[in-house]
Amino acid sequence: MKGVVFDILRDMIEEKFGLEGWNQLLEKAGSDGMYLSSESYDDSEMESLLGAASEMTGIEVPQLLQNFGEFMVGEFYTRFPIFFDNCSGLVDFLKSVDEIVHGEVLKFYPDANLPKFDYDESGDSLVMIYQSQRKLCHLAEGLIAGSAKHFKQNVEIEQTRCMHRGDDNCHIVIKVSND
């Protein structure tokens, strides 16, 4: 996992719990907290941090990942506003993630291990079909929810298939309402 993700996690923790909270988290996770944005770190580093955060807050890891995903959207917008500004709304943006956004990410970080998304628009909703060995579908849900807030659109998100329940991939169903 790229160091930039750890940097954003640090920003979120410091915003909510201050520098002391971040230092406590690092100590509990057994981490030195030294991350370079462009470097890659083993997934176990993030797992340790999330486990420690769960112990400290009493919040389950899937919910922590969703919260983190929502927070990440603001950071992504600050760093890469063009990805958002070139889209007409949430669905347009989500459909651009796999090809456009991830394509650009790979230019900055050629060795990034990104999830793969396929899309199904055959019904009254968008289904994002998520595939990744990391199984961070809850993070994806948070990113979707945060993106909906960015575009000021109401959204219902349901995961009808999930790798955590033994499925081959995750189906994240997104219904945008005009309420």
N, C-alpha and C. Protein backbone atom coordinates (compact mmCIF):
# COMPACT_ATOMS: atom_id res chain seq x y z
N MET A 1 0.85 -1.16 0.00
CA MET A 1 0.00 0.00 0.00
C MET A 1 0.90 1.23 0.00
N LYS A 2 0.51 2.23 -0.77
CA LYS A 2 1.32 3.43 -0.92
C LYS A 2 1.32 4.29 0.35
N GLY A 3 2.43 4.93 0.59
CA GLY A 3 2.59 5.78 1.75
C GLY A 3 1.59 6.92 1.82
N VAL A 4 1.13 7.39 0.66
CA VAL A 4 0.16 8.49 0.64
C VAL A 4 -1.11 8.09 1.39
N VAL A 5 -1.48 6.82 1.35
CA VAL A 5 -2.67 6.35 2.07
C VAL A 5 -2.44 6.46 3.58
N PHE A 6 -1.24 6.12 4.02
CA PHE A 6 -0.90 6.24 5.44
C PHE A 6 -0.87 7.71 5.87
N ASP A 7 -0.39 8.58 4.96
CA ASP A 7 -0.39 10.02 5.26
C ASP A 7 -1.80 10.53 5.48
N ILE A 8 -2.73 10.08 4.65
CA ILE A 8 -4.12 10.52 4.78
C ILE A 8 -4.74 9.94 6.05
N LEU A 9 -4.39 8.70 6.39
CA LEU A 9 -4.88 8.13 7.65
C LEU A 9 -4.37 8.95 8.83
N ARG A 10 -3.11 9.32 8.80
CA ARG A 10 -2.54 10.15 9.87
C ARG A 10 -3.31 11.46 9.97
N ASP A 11 -3.60 12.09 8.83
CA ASP A 11 -4.35 13.35 8.84
C ASP A 11 -5.72 13.17 9.50
N MET A 12 -6.39 12.08 9.19
CA MET A 12 -7.71 11.83 9.77
C MET A 12 -7.62 11.62 11.28
N ILE A 13 -6.67 10.80 11.71
CA ILE A 13 -6.52 10.52 13.14
C ILE A 13 -6.14 11.79 13.89
N GLU A 14 -5.21 12.56 13.33
CA GLU A 14 -4.81 13.80 14.00
C GLU A 14 -5.96 14.80 14.06
N GLU A 15 -6.78 14.85 13.02
CA GLU A 15 -7.93 15.76 13.02
C GLU A 15 -8.92 15.39 14.13
N LYS A 16 -9.11 14.09 14.34
CA LYS A 16 -10.10 13.63 15.32
C LYS A 16 -9.54 13.50 16.73
N PHE A 17 -8.26 13.10 16.85
CA PHE A 17 -7.70 12.78 18.17
C PHE A 17 -6.40 13.52 18.49
N GLY A 18 -5.95 14.37 17.59
CA GLY A 18 -4.72 15.11 17.82
C GLY A 18 -3.47 14.27 17.59
N LEU A 19 -2.33 14.94 17.68
CA LEU A 19 -1.05 14.26 17.48
C LEU A 19 -0.84 13.18 18.53
N GLU A 20 -1.30 13.42 19.75
CA GLU A 20 -1.17 12.41 20.80
C GLU A 20 -1.94 11.14 20.45
N GLY A 21 -3.12 11.30 19.85
CA GLY A 21 -3.90 10.13 19.43
C GLY A 21 -3.17 9.33 18.36
N TRP A 22 -2.55 10.03 17.40
CA TRP A 22 -1.78 9.36 16.36
C TRP A 22 -0.60 8.60 16.98
N ASN A 23 0.10 9.25 17.89
CA ASN A 23 1.25 8.60 18.54
C ASN A 23 0.81 7.38 19.35
N GLN A 24 -0.32 7.47 20.03
CA GLN A 24 -0.84 6.32 20.78
C GLN A 24 -1.18 5.17 19.83
N LEU A 25 -1.77 5.52 18.70
CA LEU A 25 -2.12 4.50 17.71
C LEU A 25 -0.86 3.80 17.19
N LEU A 26 0.16 4.58 16.88
CA LEU A 26 1.42 4.01 16.39
C LEU A 26 2.03 3.07 17.43
N GLU A 27 2.01 3.51 18.68
CA GLU A 27 2.59 2.69 19.74
C GLU A 27 1.82 1.37 19.88
N LYS A 28 0.50 1.47 19.87
CA LYS A 28 -0.34 0.28 20.02
C LYS A 28 -0.13 -0.68 18.84
N ALA A 29 0.07 -0.12 17.63
CA ALA A 29 0.25 -0.93 16.43
C ALA A 29 1.69 -1.42 16.28
N GLY A 30 2.62 -0.88 17.08
CA GLY A 30 4.02 -1.26 16.95
C GLY A 30 4.66 -0.71 15.70
N SER A 31 4.28 0.52 15.33
CA SER A 31 4.77 1.13 14.09
C SER A 31 5.57 2.38 14.41
N ASP A 32 6.56 2.67 13.55
CA ASP A 32 7.32 3.90 13.73
C ASP A 32 6.64 5.09 13.07
N GLY A 33 5.66 4.84 12.20
CA GLY A 33 4.90 5.91 11.59
C GLY A 33 5.62 6.71 10.54
N MET A 34 6.72 6.20 10.04
CA MET A 34 7.49 6.91 9.02
C MET A 34 7.09 6.39 7.64
N TYR A 35 6.33 7.21 6.92
CA TYR A 35 5.83 6.81 5.61
C TYR A 35 6.20 7.85 4.56
N LEU A 36 6.74 7.41 3.46
CA LEU A 36 7.00 8.28 2.32
C LEU A 36 5.89 8.05 1.30
N SER A 37 5.30 9.12 0.82
CA SER A 37 4.12 9.04 -0.04
C SER A 37 4.29 8.09 -1.22
N SER A 38 5.45 8.11 -1.84
CA SER A 38 5.64 7.32 -3.06
C SER A 38 6.10 5.89 -2.80
N GLU A 39 6.45 5.59 -1.55
CA GLU A 39 6.92 4.24 -1.23
C GLU A 39 5.75 3.29 -0.99
N SER A 40 6.02 2.00 -1.17
CA SER A 40 5.02 0.97 -0.91
C SER A 40 5.31 0.31 0.44
N TYR A 41 4.25 0.01 1.15
CA TYR A 41 4.36 -0.65 2.46
C TYR A 41 3.48 -1.88 2.46
N ASP A 42 3.88 -2.86 3.22
CA ASP A 42 3.14 -4.10 3.29
C ASP A 42 1.74 -3.84 3.84
N ASP A 43 0.77 -4.56 3.30
CA ASP A 43 -0.62 -4.41 3.74
C ASP A 43 -0.77 -4.67 5.23
N SER A 44 0.12 -5.50 5.79
CA SER A 44 0.03 -5.81 7.21
C SER A 44 0.23 -4.56 8.08
N GLU A 45 0.94 -3.56 7.55
CA GLU A 45 1.12 -2.30 8.28
C GLU A 45 -0.22 -1.61 8.48
N MET A 46 -1.03 -1.54 7.43
CA MET A 46 -2.35 -0.92 7.54
C MET A 46 -3.26 -1.77 8.42
N GLU A 47 -3.17 -3.07 8.28
CA GLU A 47 -3.98 -3.96 9.12
C GLU A 47 -3.67 -3.75 10.59
N SER A 48 -2.39 -3.58 10.94
CA SER A 48 -2.00 -3.32 12.33
C SER A 48 -2.57 -2.00 12.83
N LEU A 49 -2.49 -0.97 12.00
CA LEU A 49 -3.01 0.34 12.39
C LEU A 49 -4.53 0.28 12.57
N LEU A 50 -5.21 -0.39 11.66
CA LEU A 50 -6.67 -0.48 11.77
C LEU A 50 -7.08 -1.31 12.98
N GLY A 51 -6.36 -2.38 13.25
CA GLY A 51 -6.64 -3.19 14.43
C GLY A 51 -6.46 -2.39 15.71
N ALA A 52 -5.37 -1.62 15.76
CA ALA A 52 -5.11 -0.78 16.93
C ALA A 52 -6.19 0.30 17.07
N ALA A 53 -6.58 0.90 15.95
CA ALA A 53 -7.63 1.93 15.98
C ALA A 53 -8.95 1.34 16.45
N SER A 54 -9.24 0.12 16.04
CA SER A 54 -10.47 -0.54 16.46
C SER A 54 -10.44 -0.78 17.97
N GLU A 55 -9.31 -1.25 18.47
CA GLU A 55 -9.18 -1.47 19.92
C GLU A 55 -9.33 -0.16 20.70
N MET A 56 -8.74 0.90 20.18
CA MET A 56 -8.76 2.18 20.88
C MET A 56 -10.14 2.83 20.88
N THR A 57 -10.89 2.66 19.79
CA THR A 57 -12.16 3.37 19.64
C THR A 57 -13.38 2.50 19.91
N GLY A 58 -13.20 1.17 19.82
CA GLY A 58 -14.35 0.28 19.95
C GLY A 58 -15.17 0.20 18.67
N ILE A 59 -14.67 0.78 17.61
CA ILE A 59 -15.35 0.75 16.31
C ILE A 59 -14.78 -0.41 15.49
N GLU A 60 -15.64 -1.22 14.92
CA GLU A 60 -15.20 -2.36 14.12
C GLU A 60 -14.45 -1.88 12.88
N VAL A 61 -13.51 -2.70 12.42
CA VAL A 61 -12.67 -2.34 11.28
C VAL A 61 -13.48 -1.99 10.03
N PRO A 62 -14.53 -2.75 9.64
CA PRO A 62 -15.29 -2.34 8.45
C PRO A 62 -15.83 -0.90 8.54
N GLN A 63 -16.32 -0.51 9.72
CA GLN A 63 -16.82 0.86 9.88
C GLN A 63 -15.68 1.86 9.85
N LEU A 64 -14.54 1.52 10.44
CA LEU A 64 -13.38 2.40 10.37
C LEU A 64 -12.96 2.62 8.92
N LEU A 65 -12.98 1.56 8.12
CA LEU A 65 -12.62 1.69 6.71
C LEU A 65 -13.61 2.59 5.97
N GLN A 66 -14.89 2.45 6.28
CA GLN A 66 -15.88 3.33 5.64
C GLN A 66 -15.63 4.79 6.03
N ASN A 67 -15.39 5.03 7.32
CA ASN A 67 -15.10 6.39 7.77
C ASN A 67 -13.85 6.94 7.08
N PHE A 68 -12.84 6.11 6.97
CA PHE A 68 -11.60 6.52 6.32
C PHE A 68 -11.85 6.85 4.85
N GLY A 69 -12.63 6.02 4.17
CA GLY A 69 -12.95 6.27 2.77
C GLY A 69 -13.64 7.61 2.58
N GLU A 70 -14.60 7.92 3.47
CA GLU A 70 -15.28 9.21 3.37
C GLU A 70 -14.29 10.36 3.57
N PHE A 71 -13.40 10.22 4.52
CA PHE A 71 -12.40 11.25 4.78
C PHE A 71 -11.46 11.41 3.58
N MET A 72 -11.09 10.31 2.97
CA MET A 72 -10.14 10.34 1.86
C MET A 72 -10.63 11.19 0.70
N VAL A 73 -11.94 11.23 0.49
CA VAL A 73 -12.48 11.98 -0.66
C VAL A 73 -12.06 13.44 -0.59
N GLY A 74 -12.15 14.05 0.58
CA GLY A 74 -11.73 15.45 0.71
C GLY A 74 -10.26 15.64 0.37
N GLU A 75 -9.45 14.70 0.83
CA GLU A 75 -8.01 14.77 0.53
C GLU A 75 -7.75 14.57 -0.95
N PHE A 76 -8.47 13.62 -1.56
CA PHE A 76 -8.31 13.40 -3.00
C PHE A 76 -8.73 14.63 -3.78
N TYR A 77 -9.82 15.26 -3.36
CA TYR A 77 -10.27 16.46 -4.07
C TYR A 77 -9.22 17.57 -3.97
N THR A 78 -8.63 17.73 -2.80
CA THR A 78 -7.59 18.74 -2.62
C THR A 78 -6.41 18.47 -3.53
N ARG A 79 -6.03 17.21 -3.66
CA ARG A 79 -4.84 16.84 -4.45
C ARG A 79 -5.13 16.70 -5.94
N PHE A 80 -6.34 16.25 -6.28
CA PHE A 80 -6.68 15.95 -7.68
C PHE A 80 -8.07 16.47 -8.03
N PRO A 81 -8.32 17.77 -7.95
CA PRO A 81 -9.68 18.29 -8.20
C PRO A 81 -10.20 18.01 -9.60
N ILE A 82 -9.32 17.88 -10.57
CA ILE A 82 -9.75 17.69 -11.95
C ILE A 82 -10.58 16.42 -12.12
N PHE A 83 -10.29 15.38 -11.33
CA PHE A 83 -11.05 14.14 -11.45
C PHE A 83 -12.51 14.37 -11.11
N PHE A 84 -12.77 15.23 -10.16
CA PHE A 84 -14.13 15.52 -9.73
C PHE A 84 -14.77 16.58 -10.62
N ASP A 85 -14.00 17.63 -10.91
CA ASP A 85 -14.55 18.77 -11.63
C ASP A 85 -14.94 18.44 -13.07
N ASN A 86 -14.37 17.40 -13.64
CA ASN A 86 -14.70 17.02 -15.01
C ASN A 86 -15.90 16.08 -15.09
N CYS A 87 -16.57 15.84 -13.97
CA CYS A 87 -17.71 14.92 -13.93
C CYS A 87 -19.00 15.66 -13.63
N SER A 88 -20.08 15.18 -14.21
CA SER A 88 -21.38 15.84 -14.04
C SER A 88 -22.08 15.47 -12.74
N GLY A 89 -21.59 14.45 -12.06
CA GLY A 89 -22.21 14.02 -10.82
C GLY A 89 -21.60 12.72 -10.35
N LEU A 90 -22.22 12.15 -9.33
CA LEU A 90 -21.67 10.96 -8.69
C LEU A 90 -21.50 9.79 -9.65
N VAL A 91 -22.55 9.43 -10.37
CA VAL A 91 -22.47 8.25 -11.25
C VAL A 91 -21.40 8.45 -12.32
N ASP A 92 -21.37 9.63 -12.90
CA ASP A 92 -20.35 9.93 -13.92
C ASP A 92 -18.95 9.77 -13.31
N PHE A 93 -18.77 10.29 -12.10
CA PHE A 93 -17.49 10.17 -11.43
C PHE A 93 -17.14 8.71 -11.14
N LEU A 94 -18.07 7.96 -10.57
CA LEU A 94 -17.80 6.55 -10.23
C LEU A 94 -17.44 5.74 -11.46
N LYS A 95 -18.09 6.02 -12.57
CA LYS A 95 -17.79 5.29 -13.82
C LYS A 95 -16.42 5.66 -14.38
N SER A 96 -15.85 6.77 -13.90
CA SER A 96 -14.53 7.19 -14.39
C SER A 96 -13.39 6.61 -13.55
N VAL A 97 -13.72 6.04 -12.40
CA VAL A 97 -12.68 5.64 -11.45
C VAL A 97 -11.72 4.62 -12.04
N ASP A 98 -12.24 3.53 -12.56
CA ASP A 98 -11.35 2.45 -12.99
C ASP A 98 -10.44 2.87 -14.14
N GLU A 99 -11.02 3.50 -15.13
CA GLU A 99 -10.22 3.82 -16.32
C GLU A 99 -9.44 5.12 -16.17
N ILE A 100 -10.10 6.19 -15.80
CA ILE A 100 -9.45 7.50 -15.80
C ILE A 100 -8.66 7.74 -14.51
N VAL A 101 -9.33 7.66 -13.37
CA VAL A 101 -8.67 7.97 -12.10
C VAL A 101 -7.53 7.00 -11.84
N HIS A 102 -7.81 5.70 -11.92
CA HIS A 102 -6.75 4.72 -11.66
C HIS A 102 -5.65 4.80 -12.71
N GLY A 103 -6.01 5.14 -13.94
CA GLY A 103 -5.00 5.32 -14.98
C GLY A 103 -4.02 6.43 -14.63
N GLU A 104 -4.55 7.53 -14.10
CA GLU A 104 -3.70 8.65 -13.70
C GLU A 104 -2.89 8.30 -12.45
N VAL A 105 -3.50 7.58 -11.52
CA VAL A 105 -2.77 7.17 -10.31
C VAL A 105 -1.55 6.35 -10.71
N LEU A 106 -1.73 5.47 -11.68
CA LEU A 106 -0.62 4.62 -12.12
C LEU A 106 0.51 5.43 -12.75
N LYS A 107 0.21 6.62 -13.28
CA LYS A 107 1.27 7.48 -13.80
C LYS A 107 2.15 7.99 -12.67
N PHE A 108 1.53 8.34 -11.52
CA PHE A 108 2.28 8.80 -10.35
C PHE A 108 2.96 7.65 -9.62
N TYR A 109 2.22 6.54 -9.51
CA TYR A 109 2.67 5.38 -8.73
C TYR A 109 2.54 4.12 -9.59
N PRO A 110 3.48 3.87 -10.49
CA PRO A 110 3.35 2.77 -11.44
C PRO A 110 3.22 1.38 -10.80
N ASP A 111 3.70 1.24 -9.57
CA ASP A 111 3.62 -0.06 -8.93
C ASP A 111 2.43 -0.17 -7.96
N ALA A 112 1.50 0.79 -8.04
CA ALA A 112 0.33 0.75 -7.15
C ALA A 112 -0.51 -0.49 -7.45
N ASN A 113 -1.02 -1.09 -6.40
CA ASN A 113 -1.86 -2.28 -6.50
C ASN A 113 -3.30 -1.82 -6.31
N LEU A 114 -3.95 -1.43 -7.40
CA LEU A 114 -5.28 -0.83 -7.33
C LEU A 114 -6.37 -1.89 -7.54
N PRO A 115 -7.55 -1.64 -6.97
CA PRO A 115 -8.66 -2.56 -7.22
C PRO A 115 -9.15 -2.43 -8.66
N LYS A 116 -9.86 -3.41 -9.10
CA LYS A 116 -10.46 -3.42 -10.44
C LYS A 116 -11.97 -3.25 -10.27
N PHE A 117 -12.55 -2.38 -11.08
CA PHE A 117 -13.99 -2.17 -11.07
C PHE A 117 -14.58 -2.47 -12.43
N ASP A 118 -15.68 -3.18 -12.43
CA ASP A 118 -16.54 -3.30 -13.59
C ASP A 118 -17.85 -2.66 -13.19
N TYR A 119 -18.68 -2.32 -14.17
CA TYR A 119 -19.90 -1.58 -13.90
C TYR A 119 -21.09 -2.25 -14.57
N ASP A 120 -22.22 -2.25 -13.90
CA ASP A 120 -23.47 -2.76 -14.46
C ASP A 120 -24.53 -1.69 -14.23
N GLU A 121 -25.07 -1.20 -15.33
CA GLU A 121 -26.12 -0.18 -15.26
C GLU A 121 -27.44 -0.69 -15.81
N SER A 122 -27.64 -1.99 -15.79
CA SER A 122 -28.82 -2.57 -16.42
C SER A 122 -30.12 -2.29 -15.66
N GLY A 123 -30.06 -1.96 -14.40
CA GLY A 123 -31.26 -1.68 -13.62
C GLY A 123 -31.39 -0.20 -13.33
N ASP A 124 -32.07 0.12 -12.23
CA ASP A 124 -32.27 1.52 -11.86
C ASP A 124 -31.16 2.03 -10.94
N SER A 125 -30.07 1.30 -10.88
CA SER A 125 -28.95 1.69 -10.04
C SER A 125 -27.64 1.34 -10.75
N LEU A 126 -26.56 1.85 -10.20
CA LEU A 126 -25.24 1.50 -10.70
C LEU A 126 -24.68 0.43 -9.78
N VAL A 127 -24.21 -0.66 -10.37
CA VAL A 127 -23.54 -1.69 -9.58
C VAL A 127 -22.06 -1.63 -9.92
N MET A 128 -21.27 -1.35 -8.89
CA MET A 128 -19.82 -1.39 -9.07
C MET A 128 -19.37 -2.77 -8.61
N ILE A 129 -18.74 -3.48 -9.51
CA ILE A 129 -18.25 -4.82 -9.20
C ILE A 129 -16.77 -4.68 -8.85
N TYR A 130 -16.49 -4.89 -7.58
CA TYR A 130 -15.18 -4.64 -7.00
C TYR A 130 -14.41 -5.94 -6.90
N GLN A 131 -13.15 -5.89 -7.33
CA GLN A 131 -12.28 -7.06 -7.22
C GLN A 131 -10.91 -6.59 -6.77
N SER A 132 -10.44 -7.17 -5.66
CA SER A 132 -9.11 -6.85 -5.17
C SER A 132 -8.71 -7.92 -4.17
N GLN A 133 -7.46 -8.31 -4.23
CA GLN A 133 -6.96 -9.29 -3.26
C GLN A 133 -6.96 -8.71 -1.85
N ARG A 134 -6.99 -7.39 -1.72
CA ARG A 134 -6.99 -6.75 -0.41
C ARG A 134 -8.34 -6.81 0.30
N LYS A 135 -9.39 -6.98 -0.46
CA LYS A 135 -10.75 -7.05 0.08
C LYS A 135 -11.10 -5.82 0.91
N LEU A 136 -10.82 -4.65 0.34
CA LEU A 136 -11.12 -3.39 1.01
C LEU A 136 -12.42 -2.77 0.49
N CYS A 137 -13.42 -3.61 0.32
CA CYS A 137 -14.70 -3.15 -0.20
C CYS A 137 -15.36 -2.13 0.73
N HIS A 138 -15.11 -2.22 2.02
CA HIS A 138 -15.69 -1.26 2.96
C HIS A 138 -15.06 0.12 2.77
N LEU A 139 -13.80 0.15 2.41
CA LEU A 139 -13.15 1.41 2.07
C LEU A 139 -13.80 2.00 0.82
N ALA A 140 -14.08 1.13 -0.17
CA ALA A 140 -14.74 1.58 -1.40
C ALA A 140 -16.12 2.17 -1.08
N GLU A 141 -16.85 1.53 -0.17
CA GLU A 141 -18.16 2.07 0.22
C GLU A 141 -18.01 3.47 0.81
N GLY A 142 -17.01 3.66 1.65
CA GLY A 142 -16.77 4.98 2.22
C GLY A 142 -16.39 6.01 1.16
N LEU A 143 -15.58 5.59 0.21
CA LEU A 143 -15.21 6.49 -0.88
C LEU A 143 -16.43 6.89 -1.71
N ILE A 144 -17.34 5.95 -1.92
CA ILE A 144 -18.57 6.24 -2.66
C ILE A 144 -19.43 7.22 -1.86
N ALA A 145 -19.61 6.95 -0.56
CA ALA A 145 -20.42 7.84 0.28
C ALA A 145 -19.80 9.24 0.34
N GLY A 146 -18.49 9.31 0.49
CA GLY A 146 -17.82 10.61 0.51
C GLY A 146 -17.95 11.35 -0.81
N SER A 147 -17.90 10.61 -1.91
CA SER A 147 -18.06 11.23 -3.23
C SER A 147 -19.48 11.75 -3.41
N ALA A 148 -20.46 11.01 -2.89
CA ALA A 148 -21.85 11.47 -2.96
C ALA A 148 -21.99 12.79 -2.21
N LYS A 149 -21.37 12.90 -1.05
CA LYS A 149 -21.41 14.15 -0.28
C LYS A 149 -20.74 15.27 -1.07
N HIS A 150 -19.62 14.94 -1.71
CA HIS A 150 -18.92 15.96 -2.51
C HIS A 150 -19.84 16.51 -3.60
N PHE A 151 -20.55 15.62 -4.26
CA PHE A 151 -21.44 16.03 -5.36
C PHE A 151 -22.81 16.47 -4.86
N LYS A 152 -23.00 16.47 -3.51
CA LYS A 152 -24.25 16.88 -2.89
C LYS A 152 -25.44 16.07 -3.42
N GLN A 153 -25.22 14.75 -3.50
CA GLN A 153 -26.26 13.85 -3.95
C GLN A 153 -26.53 12.82 -2.85
N ASN A 154 -27.81 12.49 -2.65
CA ASN A 154 -28.19 11.46 -1.70
C ASN A 154 -28.00 10.10 -2.34
N VAL A 155 -27.52 9.16 -1.56
CA VAL A 155 -27.21 7.85 -2.12
C VAL A 155 -27.53 6.76 -1.11
N GLU A 156 -27.99 5.64 -1.62
CA GLU A 156 -28.13 4.42 -0.83
C GLU A 156 -27.10 3.44 -1.36
N ILE A 157 -26.35 2.84 -0.44
CA ILE A 157 -25.30 1.90 -0.82
C ILE A 157 -25.60 0.57 -0.15
N GLU A 158 -25.60 -0.48 -0.95
CA GLU A 158 -25.83 -1.82 -0.41
C GLU A 158 -24.86 -2.78 -1.09
N GLN A 159 -24.29 -3.64 -0.30
CA GLN A 159 -23.39 -4.64 -0.86
C GLN A 159 -24.13 -5.97 -0.92
N THR A 160 -24.49 -6.37 -2.13
CA THR A 160 -25.29 -7.59 -2.30
C THR A 160 -24.43 -8.84 -2.40
N ARG A 161 -23.20 -8.68 -2.79
CA ARG A 161 -22.22 -9.77 -2.79
C ARG A 161 -20.96 -9.22 -2.17
N CYS A 162 -20.23 -10.09 -1.44
CA CYS A 162 -19.04 -9.61 -0.74
C CYS A 162 -18.02 -10.75 -0.61
N MET A 163 -16.79 -10.44 -0.88
CA MET A 163 -15.71 -11.41 -0.73
C MET A 163 -15.56 -11.85 0.72
N HIS A 164 -15.93 -10.99 1.66
CA HIS A 164 -15.85 -11.36 3.08
C HIS A 164 -16.90 -12.42 3.45
N ARG A 165 -17.88 -12.59 2.58
CA ARG A 165 -18.90 -13.63 2.78
C ARG A 165 -18.67 -14.81 1.84
N GLY A 166 -17.52 -14.85 1.18
CA GLY A 166 -17.18 -15.98 0.34
C GLY A 166 -17.43 -15.80 -1.14
N ASP A 167 -17.93 -14.64 -1.56
CA ASP A 167 -18.16 -14.39 -2.98
C ASP A 167 -16.84 -14.10 -3.69
N ASP A 168 -16.82 -14.28 -5.02
CA ASP A 168 -15.61 -14.04 -5.81
C ASP A 168 -15.28 -12.56 -5.93
N ASN A 169 -16.29 -11.71 -5.83
CA ASN A 169 -16.11 -10.27 -5.91
C ASN A 169 -17.23 -9.61 -5.12
N CYS A 170 -17.16 -8.32 -5.03
CA CYS A 170 -18.18 -7.57 -4.29
C CYS A 170 -19.03 -6.78 -5.28
N HIS A 171 -20.33 -6.79 -5.04
CA HIS A 171 -21.26 -5.99 -5.84
C HIS A 171 -21.77 -4.88 -4.94
N ILE A 172 -21.36 -3.69 -5.23
CA ILE A 172 -21.77 -2.51 -4.47
C ILE A 172 -22.84 -1.80 -5.28
N VAL A 173 -24.07 -1.87 -4.79
CA VAL A 173 -25.23 -1.28 -5.48
C VAL A 173 -25.42 0.16 -5.00
N ILE A 174 -25.44 1.09 -5.95
CA ILE A 174 -25.53 2.50 -5.63
C ILE A 174 -26.81 3.07 -6.26
N LYS A 175 -27.71 3.55 -5.41
CA LYS A 175 -28.93 4.19 -5.88
C LYS A 175 -28.87 5.66 -5.49
N VAL A 176 -28.91 6.50 -6.50
CA VAL A 176 -28.87 7.94 -6.27
C VAL A 176 -30.31 8.42 -6.26
N SER A 177 -30.67 9.18 -5.21
CA SER A 177 -32.01 9.73 -5.14
C SER A 177 -31.94 11.25 -5.18
N ASN A 178 -33.02 11.85 -5.57
CA ASN A 178 -33.06 13.31 -5.68
C ASN A 178 -33.75 13.94 -4.48
N ASP A 179 -33.76 13.25 -3.37
CA ASP A 179 -34.42 13.78 -2.15
C ASP A 179 -33.69 14.98 -1.61
